[in-house]
Amino acid sequence: MSYSSKADIVLVLALTGFLPHCGDGGEPAAAESTTLTWDAVSDPDLAGYRVYASDSPGTYTQPGVSVGDTTTYEVEGLKRDTTYYFVVTAYDFMGNESSYSNEVSKTTP
């Protein structure tokens, strides 16, 4: 299977709320986290997914974070008062990777 065509895969991302990390004394730390979820790809060649994040739309960190074949990922270490943009790709056992999913964004509190 080849993931080279945009028509091969469509992922839908959903963001859940941001969770503040707490420091040792119970005080909120400077970093935030959020959980990304997306629809699974039903393909026997699916090896896993990669999550890409950025604080600028359409420009993502390279390489993305490989999260295995799970459809949920908690993004940690996000700065407060910052808008983040996320996409997900799927990849097969040969290393072929899909196009980016739709982009979702979230602003940390």
N, C-alpha and C. Protein backbone atom coordinates (compact mmCIF):
# COMPACT_ATOMS: atom_id res chain seq x y z
N MET A 1 0.84 -1.18 0.00
CA MET A 1 0.00 0.00 0.00
C MET A 1 0.88 1.23 0.00
N SER A 2 0.46 2.23 -0.71
CA SER A 2 1.18 3.49 -0.75
C SER A 2 0.34 4.58 -0.11
N TYR A 3 0.95 5.36 0.75
CA TYR A 3 0.26 6.47 1.39
C TYR A 3 0.60 7.79 0.69
N SER A 4 1.06 7.72 -0.54
CA SER A 4 1.53 8.94 -1.21
C SER A 4 0.40 9.83 -1.70
N SER A 5 -0.77 9.30 -1.91
CA SER A 5 -1.88 10.10 -2.42
C SER A 5 -2.71 10.68 -1.29
N LYS A 6 -3.10 11.92 -1.43
CA LYS A 6 -3.91 12.58 -0.42
C LYS A 6 -5.25 11.87 -0.24
N ALA A 7 -5.75 11.22 -1.27
CA ALA A 7 -7.02 10.52 -1.20
C ALA A 7 -6.94 9.22 -0.40
N ASP A 8 -5.73 8.73 -0.13
CA ASP A 8 -5.57 7.46 0.58
C ASP A 8 -6.04 7.53 2.03
N ILE A 9 -5.96 8.68 2.65
CA ILE A 9 -6.25 8.75 4.07
C ILE A 9 -6.83 10.11 4.45
N VAL A 10 -7.82 10.08 5.29
CA VAL A 10 -8.37 11.30 5.86
C VAL A 10 -8.49 11.07 7.36
N LEU A 11 -7.78 11.84 8.13
CA LEU A 11 -7.82 11.73 9.59
C LEU A 11 -8.60 12.90 10.15
N VAL A 12 -9.33 12.64 11.18
CA VAL A 12 -10.07 13.69 11.86
C VAL A 12 -9.50 13.80 13.26
N LEU A 13 -9.06 14.99 13.62
CA LEU A 13 -8.49 15.21 14.94
C LEU A 13 -9.52 15.88 15.84
N ALA A 14 -9.48 15.51 17.09
CA ALA A 14 -10.33 16.16 18.08
C ALA A 14 -9.45 16.49 19.28
N LEU A 15 -9.58 17.69 19.80
CA LEU A 15 -8.80 18.10 20.95
C LEU A 15 -9.64 18.04 22.20
N THR A 16 -9.05 17.55 23.26
CA THR A 16 -9.70 17.63 24.56
C THR A 16 -9.08 18.80 25.31
N GLY A 17 -9.56 19.07 26.49
CA GLY A 17 -9.10 20.23 27.26
C GLY A 17 -7.66 20.16 27.67
N PHE A 18 -7.10 21.31 27.96
CA PHE A 18 -5.73 21.40 28.44
C PHE A 18 -5.67 21.05 29.91
N LEU A 19 -4.63 20.35 30.29
CA LEU A 19 -4.44 19.93 31.68
C LEU A 19 -3.18 20.58 32.22
N PRO A 20 -3.28 21.40 33.27
CA PRO A 20 -2.07 22.00 33.82
C PRO A 20 -1.24 20.96 34.56
N HIS A 21 0.06 21.02 34.37
CA HIS A 21 0.97 20.18 35.15
C HIS A 21 1.20 20.87 36.47
N CYS A 22 1.31 20.11 37.52
CA CYS A 22 1.53 20.69 38.84
C CYS A 22 2.97 20.49 39.26
N GLY A 23 3.52 21.50 39.93
CA GLY A 23 4.86 21.41 40.48
C GLY A 23 4.83 20.61 41.78
N ASP A 24 5.96 20.50 42.43
CA ASP A 24 6.07 19.71 43.66
C ASP A 24 5.18 20.22 44.78
N GLY A 25 4.98 21.55 44.88
CA GLY A 25 4.19 22.11 45.96
C GLY A 25 2.72 22.26 45.61
N GLY A 26 2.26 21.63 44.56
CA GLY A 26 0.87 21.74 44.16
C GLY A 26 0.58 22.98 43.33
N GLU A 27 1.58 23.82 43.10
CA GLU A 27 1.40 25.02 42.29
C GLU A 27 1.47 24.64 40.82
N PRO A 28 0.63 25.26 39.97
CA PRO A 28 0.72 24.96 38.55
C PRO A 28 2.09 25.31 37.98
N ALA A 29 2.62 24.43 37.17
CA ALA A 29 3.89 24.68 36.49
C ALA A 29 3.62 25.51 35.24
N ALA A 30 4.68 25.91 34.56
CA ALA A 30 4.55 26.78 33.39
C ALA A 30 4.11 26.02 32.14
N ALA A 31 4.11 24.69 32.17
CA ALA A 31 3.78 23.91 30.98
C ALA A 31 2.36 23.38 31.05
N GLU A 32 1.76 23.20 29.89
CA GLU A 32 0.41 22.66 29.76
C GLU A 32 0.48 21.40 28.89
N SER A 33 -0.60 20.63 28.89
CA SER A 33 -0.69 19.48 28.00
C SER A 33 -2.10 19.39 27.44
N THR A 34 -2.24 18.65 26.36
CA THR A 34 -3.55 18.37 25.78
C THR A 34 -3.52 17.00 25.14
N THR A 35 -4.67 16.42 24.98
CA THR A 35 -4.77 15.10 24.37
C THR A 35 -5.39 15.21 22.99
N LEU A 36 -4.71 14.64 22.01
CA LEU A 36 -5.22 14.57 20.64
C LEU A 36 -5.83 13.20 20.41
N THR A 37 -6.94 13.15 19.73
CA THR A 37 -7.54 11.87 19.30
C THR A 37 -7.92 11.99 17.84
N TRP A 38 -7.93 10.86 17.13
CA TRP A 38 -8.28 10.86 15.72
C TRP A 38 -8.87 9.52 15.35
N ASP A 39 -9.52 9.48 14.19
CA ASP A 39 -10.13 8.26 13.68
C ASP A 39 -9.06 7.30 13.20
N ALA A 40 -9.24 6.03 13.48
CA ALA A 40 -8.29 5.00 13.07
C ALA A 40 -8.35 4.77 11.57
N VAL A 41 -7.21 4.39 11.00
CA VAL A 41 -7.13 3.98 9.61
C VAL A 41 -7.30 2.47 9.58
N SER A 42 -8.22 1.98 8.77
CA SER A 42 -8.44 0.53 8.69
C SER A 42 -7.70 -0.02 7.48
N ASP A 43 -6.45 -0.37 7.70
CA ASP A 43 -5.62 -0.90 6.63
C ASP A 43 -4.65 -1.89 7.27
N PRO A 44 -4.54 -3.10 6.72
CA PRO A 44 -3.65 -4.09 7.33
C PRO A 44 -2.17 -3.70 7.27
N ASP A 45 -1.80 -2.76 6.41
CA ASP A 45 -0.41 -2.32 6.30
C ASP A 45 -0.07 -1.19 7.25
N LEU A 46 -1.04 -0.71 8.02
CA LEU A 46 -0.79 0.40 8.93
C LEU A 46 0.22 0.00 9.99
N ALA A 47 1.31 0.75 10.09
CA ALA A 47 2.32 0.51 11.12
C ALA A 47 2.15 1.48 12.29
N GLY A 48 1.65 2.68 12.00
CA GLY A 48 1.48 3.64 13.08
C GLY A 48 1.14 5.03 12.57
N TYR A 49 1.19 5.97 13.51
CA TYR A 49 0.86 7.37 13.23
C TYR A 49 2.00 8.25 13.72
N ARG A 50 2.10 9.43 13.10
CA ARG A 50 3.03 10.46 13.55
C ARG A 50 2.24 11.72 13.84
N VAL A 51 2.56 12.37 14.94
CA VAL A 51 1.92 13.62 15.33
C VAL A 51 2.92 14.75 15.09
N TYR A 52 2.45 15.79 14.43
CA TYR A 52 3.26 16.98 14.17
C TYR A 52 2.62 18.17 14.87
N ALA A 53 3.43 19.03 15.44
CA ALA A 53 2.93 20.20 16.17
C ALA A 53 3.76 21.43 15.79
N SER A 54 3.12 22.59 15.94
CA SER A 54 3.81 23.84 15.65
C SER A 54 3.07 24.99 16.32
N ASP A 55 3.77 26.10 16.49
CA ASP A 55 3.10 27.31 16.94
C ASP A 55 2.86 28.25 15.77
N SER A 56 3.02 27.72 14.56
CA SER A 56 2.76 28.47 13.33
C SER A 56 1.96 27.58 12.39
N PRO A 57 0.82 28.04 11.86
CA PRO A 57 0.00 27.17 11.01
C PRO A 57 0.73 26.73 9.75
N GLY A 58 0.58 25.44 9.41
CA GLY A 58 1.14 24.91 8.17
C GLY A 58 2.63 24.60 8.21
N THR A 59 3.29 24.84 9.33
CA THR A 59 4.72 24.58 9.47
C THR A 59 4.91 23.70 10.70
N TYR A 60 5.43 22.49 10.50
CA TYR A 60 5.49 21.52 11.59
C TYR A 60 6.90 21.05 11.88
N THR A 61 7.11 20.62 13.13
CA THR A 61 8.40 20.09 13.53
C THR A 61 8.70 18.83 12.73
N GLN A 62 9.94 18.63 12.39
CA GLN A 62 10.35 17.46 11.65
C GLN A 62 11.40 16.72 12.45
N PRO A 63 11.42 15.46 12.58
CA PRO A 63 10.31 14.59 12.18
C PRO A 63 9.19 14.64 13.20
N GLY A 64 8.04 14.15 12.81
CA GLY A 64 6.92 14.07 13.74
C GLY A 64 7.20 13.01 14.80
N VAL A 65 6.41 13.03 15.85
CA VAL A 65 6.55 12.06 16.94
C VAL A 65 5.80 10.80 16.57
N SER A 66 6.50 9.68 16.48
CA SER A 66 5.86 8.40 16.19
C SER A 66 5.16 7.92 17.45
N VAL A 67 3.85 7.62 17.33
CA VAL A 67 3.07 7.22 18.51
C VAL A 67 2.55 5.79 18.40
N GLY A 68 3.08 5.01 17.46
CA GLY A 68 2.61 3.64 17.29
C GLY A 68 1.23 3.63 16.66
N ASP A 69 0.49 2.55 16.91
CA ASP A 69 -0.81 2.42 16.24
C ASP A 69 -1.98 2.88 17.12
N THR A 70 -1.70 3.66 18.15
CA THR A 70 -2.75 4.23 18.99
C THR A 70 -3.40 5.42 18.30
N THR A 71 -4.61 5.75 18.67
CA THR A 71 -5.30 6.90 18.08
C THR A 71 -5.49 8.03 19.10
N THR A 72 -4.66 8.02 20.12
CA THR A 72 -4.68 9.05 21.15
C THR A 72 -3.25 9.39 21.52
N TYR A 73 -2.98 10.67 21.72
CA TYR A 73 -1.64 11.08 22.12
C TYR A 73 -1.72 12.33 22.98
N GLU A 74 -1.03 12.30 24.13
CA GLU A 74 -0.98 13.47 25.00
C GLU A 74 0.26 14.29 24.66
N VAL A 75 0.04 15.53 24.26
CA VAL A 75 1.12 16.46 23.94
C VAL A 75 1.44 17.22 25.22
N GLU A 76 2.67 17.15 25.67
CA GLU A 76 3.07 17.79 26.92
C GLU A 76 4.08 18.91 26.66
N GLY A 77 4.27 19.73 27.67
CA GLY A 77 5.28 20.78 27.61
C GLY A 77 4.89 21.99 26.78
N LEU A 78 3.60 22.24 26.63
CA LEU A 78 3.13 23.38 25.85
C LEU A 78 3.20 24.66 26.69
N LYS A 79 3.63 25.75 26.07
CA LYS A 79 3.72 27.03 26.75
C LYS A 79 2.33 27.64 26.92
N ARG A 80 2.16 28.37 28.00
CA ARG A 80 0.89 29.06 28.27
C ARG A 80 0.71 30.21 27.29
N ASP A 81 -0.57 30.57 27.05
CA ASP A 81 -0.93 31.70 26.18
C ASP A 81 -0.32 31.59 24.79
N THR A 82 -0.30 30.38 24.25
CA THR A 82 0.26 30.13 22.93
C THR A 82 -0.73 29.31 22.12
N THR A 83 -0.86 29.62 20.84
CA THR A 83 -1.70 28.82 19.95
C THR A 83 -0.83 27.77 19.28
N TYR A 84 -1.28 26.53 19.37
CA TYR A 84 -0.58 25.41 18.75
C TYR A 84 -1.43 24.82 17.64
N TYR A 85 -0.75 24.28 16.62
CA TYR A 85 -1.40 23.66 15.46
C TYR A 85 -0.90 22.22 15.38
N PHE A 86 -1.83 21.30 15.08
CA PHE A 86 -1.50 19.88 15.08
C PHE A 86 -2.03 19.20 13.82
N VAL A 87 -1.27 18.24 13.31
CA VAL A 87 -1.71 17.34 12.25
C VAL A 87 -1.19 15.95 12.58
N VAL A 88 -1.78 14.94 11.94
CA VAL A 88 -1.37 13.55 12.11
C VAL A 88 -1.19 12.93 10.73
N THR A 89 -0.23 12.02 10.62
CA THR A 89 -0.07 11.22 9.41
C THR A 89 -0.12 9.74 9.81
N ALA A 90 -0.38 8.90 8.83
CA ALA A 90 -0.30 7.45 9.02
C ALA A 90 0.88 6.95 8.19
N TYR A 91 1.52 5.88 8.65
CA TYR A 91 2.61 5.30 7.85
C TYR A 91 2.49 3.78 7.87
N ASP A 92 3.02 3.17 6.80
CA ASP A 92 2.94 1.72 6.68
C ASP A 92 4.29 1.09 7.04
N PHE A 93 4.38 -0.24 6.95
CA PHE A 93 5.57 -0.97 7.36
C PHE A 93 6.77 -0.72 6.44
N MET A 94 6.53 -0.19 5.25
CA MET A 94 7.61 0.16 4.32
C MET A 94 8.11 1.58 4.56
N GLY A 95 7.48 2.31 5.46
CA GLY A 95 7.89 3.68 5.75
C GLY A 95 7.17 4.73 4.94
N ASN A 96 6.22 4.31 4.08
CA ASN A 96 5.44 5.28 3.31
C ASN A 96 4.52 6.05 4.26
N GLU A 97 4.45 7.36 4.08
CA GLU A 97 3.67 8.20 4.98
C GLU A 97 2.58 8.93 4.22
N SER A 98 1.42 9.07 4.85
CA SER A 98 0.30 9.76 4.23
C SER A 98 0.55 11.26 4.22
N SER A 99 -0.34 11.95 3.56
CA SER A 99 -0.37 13.41 3.64
C SER A 99 -0.84 13.79 5.04
N TYR A 100 -0.65 15.05 5.39
CA TYR A 100 -1.13 15.53 6.68
C TYR A 100 -2.65 15.43 6.76
N SER A 101 -3.14 15.15 7.96
CA SER A 101 -4.59 15.23 8.21
C SER A 101 -5.00 16.69 8.17
N ASN A 102 -6.26 16.93 8.44
CA ASN A 102 -6.69 18.30 8.61
C ASN A 102 -5.96 18.89 9.82
N GLU A 103 -5.75 20.19 9.78
CA GLU A 103 -5.06 20.88 10.87
C GLU A 103 -6.07 21.33 11.91
N VAL A 104 -5.73 21.12 13.19
CA VAL A 104 -6.53 21.64 14.29
C VAL A 104 -5.63 22.53 15.13
N SER A 105 -6.25 23.48 15.83
CA SER A 105 -5.46 24.37 16.66
C SER A 105 -6.12 24.53 18.02
N LYS A 106 -5.30 24.91 18.97
CA LYS A 106 -5.77 25.14 20.34
C LYS A 106 -4.86 26.17 20.99
N THR A 107 -5.47 27.11 21.72
CA THR A 107 -4.70 28.09 22.46
C THR A 107 -4.67 27.67 23.93
N THR A 108 -3.47 27.61 24.49
CA THR A 108 -3.33 27.23 25.89
C THR A 108 -3.81 28.37 26.77
N PRO A 109 -4.35 28.03 27.94
CA PRO A 109 -4.84 29.08 28.85
C PRO A 109 -3.70 29.83 29.52
